[in-house]
């Protein structure tokens, strides 16, 4: 996890911030070659600055991030299969 925090600078518009880097290594290659690396960063509006609102917003941000990762990996797998 690169970042996980609540941005409360604007009390009228609190944000849950999430940033994470995914790295996929080829365990079958000598030296475990890096096959994929991408940093995802997103923020989601939280209804207020309560812990419950921030956690719910982080969950939405993580769901969006994982959906984007899934799409990126589909593209990576398709590229490898064409070789």
C-alpha atoms as a PDB file:
ATOM      1  CA  UNK A   1       0.000   0.000   0.000  1.00  0.00           C
ATOM      2  CA  UNK A   2       1.499   3.291  -1.075  1.00  0.00           C
ATOM      3  CA  UNK A   3      -1.128   5.541   0.525  1.00  0.00           C
ATOM      4  CA  UNK A   4      -4.257   5.160   2.613  1.00  0.00           C
ATOM      5  CA  UNK A   5      -5.567   8.285   4.273  1.00  0.00           C
ATOM      6  CA  UNK A   6      -8.477  10.617   4.655  1.00  0.00           C
ATOM      7  CA  UNK A   7      -8.019  14.001   3.017  1.00  0.00           C
ATOM      8  CA  UNK A   8      -9.989  16.242   5.356  1.00  0.00           C
ATOM      9  CA  UNK A   9      -8.601  19.597   4.233  1.00  0.00           C
ATOM     10  CA  UNK A  10     -12.030  20.613   2.961  1.00  0.00           C
ATOM     11  CA  UNK A  11     -14.495  19.642   5.712  1.00  0.00           C
ATOM     12  CA  UNK A  12     -17.376  19.975   3.240  1.00  0.00           C
ATOM     13  CA  UNK A  13     -15.827  17.436   0.833  1.00  0.00           C
ATOM     14  CA  UNK A  14     -13.765  14.792   2.669  1.00  0.00           C
ATOM     15  CA  UNK A  15     -11.967  12.293   0.454  1.00  0.00           C
ATOM     16  CA  UNK A  16     -10.707   8.766   1.074  1.00  0.00           C
ATOM     17  CA  UNK A  17      -7.391   8.357  -0.759  1.00  0.00           C
ATOM     18  CA  UNK A  18      -5.916   5.023  -1.818  1.00  0.00           C
ATOM     19  CA  UNK A  19      -2.742   4.325  -3.788  1.00  0.00           C
ATOM     20  CA  UNK A  20      -1.231   0.906  -4.372  1.00  0.00           C
ATOM     21  CA  UNK A  21       1.386  -0.562  -6.694  1.00  0.00           C
ATOM     22  CA  UNK A  22       0.950  -4.051  -8.088  1.00  0.00           C
ATOM     23  CA  UNK A  23       3.971  -5.982  -9.343  1.00  0.00           C
ATOM     24  CA  UNK A  24       3.727  -9.375 -10.960  1.00  0.00           C
ATOM     25  CA  UNK A  25       6.833 -11.483 -11.196  1.00  0.00           C
ATOM     26  CA  UNK A  26       7.432 -14.498 -13.417  1.00  0.00           C
ATOM     27  CA  UNK A  27       8.402 -17.134 -10.870  1.00  0.00           C
ATOM     28  CA  UNK A  28       9.302 -19.566 -13.672  1.00  0.00           C
ATOM     29  CA  UNK A  29      12.062 -17.373 -15.101  1.00  0.00           C
ATOM     30  CA  UNK A  30      15.563 -17.073 -13.783  1.00  0.00           C
ATOM     31  CA  UNK A  31      15.719 -13.998 -11.595  1.00  0.00           C
ATOM     32  CA  UNK A  32      11.916 -13.714 -11.424  1.00  0.00           C
ATOM     33  CA  UNK A  33      11.446 -11.278 -14.270  1.00  0.00           C
ATOM     34  CA  UNK A  34       9.056  -8.406 -13.711  1.00  0.00           C
ATOM     35  CA  UNK A  35       6.074  -8.935 -16.034  1.00  0.00           C
ATOM     36  CA  UNK A  36       3.728  -6.196 -14.882  1.00  0.00           C
ATOM     37  CA  UNK A  37       3.984  -3.113 -12.702  1.00  0.00           C
ATOM     38  CA  UNK A  38       1.530  -0.280 -12.289  1.00  0.00           C
ATOM     39  CA  UNK A  39       0.666   2.225  -9.578  1.00  0.00           C
ATOM     40  CA  UNK A  40      -3.014   2.912  -9.102  1.00  0.00           C
ATOM     41  CA  UNK A  41      -4.149   6.001  -7.254  1.00  0.00           C
ATOM     42  CA  UNK A  42      -7.718   7.032  -6.596  1.00  0.00           C
ATOM     43  CA  UNK A  43      -9.874   8.991  -4.241  1.00  0.00           C
ATOM     44  CA  UNK A  44     -13.529   8.651  -3.356  1.00  0.00           C
ATOM     45  CA  UNK A  45     -15.848  11.167  -1.793  1.00  0.00           C
ATOM     46  CA  UNK A  46     -16.780  10.343   1.781  1.00  0.00           C
ATOM     47  CA  UNK A  47     -20.123  11.560   3.065  1.00  0.00           C
ATOM     48  CA  UNK A  48     -18.449  13.048   6.119  1.00  0.00           C
ATOM     49  CA  UNK A  49     -15.226  12.653   8.082  1.00  0.00           C
ATOM     50  CA  UNK A  50     -16.476   9.789  10.269  1.00  0.00           C
ATOM     51  CA  UNK A  51     -14.554   6.537  10.334  1.00  0.00           C
ATOM     52  CA  UNK A  52     -17.540   4.694   8.868  1.00  0.00           C
ATOM     53  CA  UNK A  53     -17.793   7.055   5.895  1.00  0.00           C
ATOM     54  CA  UNK A  54     -14.066   6.901   5.203  1.00  0.00           C
ATOM     55  CA  UNK A  55     -13.992   3.088   5.367  1.00  0.00           C
ATOM     56  CA  UNK A  56     -16.948   2.856   2.984  1.00  0.00           C
ATOM     57  CA  UNK A  57     -15.216   5.251   0.569  1.00  0.00           C
ATOM     58  CA  UNK A  58     -11.942   3.281   0.782  1.00  0.00           C
ATOM     59  CA  UNK A  59     -13.886   0.121  -0.032  1.00  0.00           C
ATOM     60  CA  UNK A  60     -15.338   1.783  -3.144  1.00  0.00           C
ATOM     61  CA  UNK A  61     -11.874   3.038  -4.121  1.00  0.00           C
ATOM     62  CA  UNK A  62     -10.406  -0.445  -3.699  1.00  0.00           C
ATOM     63  CA  UNK A  63     -13.205  -2.004  -5.756  1.00  0.00           C
ATOM     64  CA  UNK A  64     -12.530   0.507  -8.569  1.00  0.00           C
ATOM     65  CA  UNK A  65      -8.802  -0.158  -8.366  1.00  0.00           C
ATOM     66  CA  UNK A  66      -9.237  -3.935  -8.508  1.00  0.00           C
ATOM     67  CA  UNK A  67     -11.600  -3.616 -11.484  1.00  0.00           C
ATOM     68  CA  UNK A  68      -8.991  -1.531 -13.301  1.00  0.00           C
ATOM     69  CA  UNK A  69      -6.255  -4.026 -12.404  1.00  0.00           C
ATOM     70  CA  UNK A  70      -8.402  -6.864 -13.743  1.00  0.00           C
ATOM     71  CA  UNK A  71      -8.828  -5.073 -17.071  1.00  0.00           C
ATOM     72  CA  UNK A  72      -5.107  -4.297 -17.277  1.00  0.00           C
ATOM     73  CA  UNK A  73      -4.222  -7.924 -16.573  1.00  0.00           C
ATOM     74  CA  UNK A  74      -6.659  -9.133 -19.233  1.00  0.00           C
ATOM     75  CA  UNK A  75      -4.775  -6.988 -21.702  1.00  0.00           C
ATOM     76  CA  UNK A  76      -1.419  -8.271 -20.480  1.00  0.00           C
ATOM     77  CA  UNK A  77      -2.493 -11.913 -20.704  1.00  0.00           C
ATOM     78  CA  UNK A  78      -3.908 -11.379 -24.186  1.00  0.00           C
ATOM     79  CA  UNK A  79      -0.600  -9.848 -25.311  1.00  0.00           C
ATOM     80  CA  UNK A  80       1.356 -12.799 -23.921  1.00  0.00           C
ATOM     81  CA  UNK A  81      -0.986 -15.325 -25.546  1.00  0.00           C
ATOM     82  CA  UNK A  82      -0.450 -13.714 -28.981  1.00  0.00           C
ATOM     83  CA  UNK A  83       3.289 -14.383 -28.818  1.00  0.00           C
END
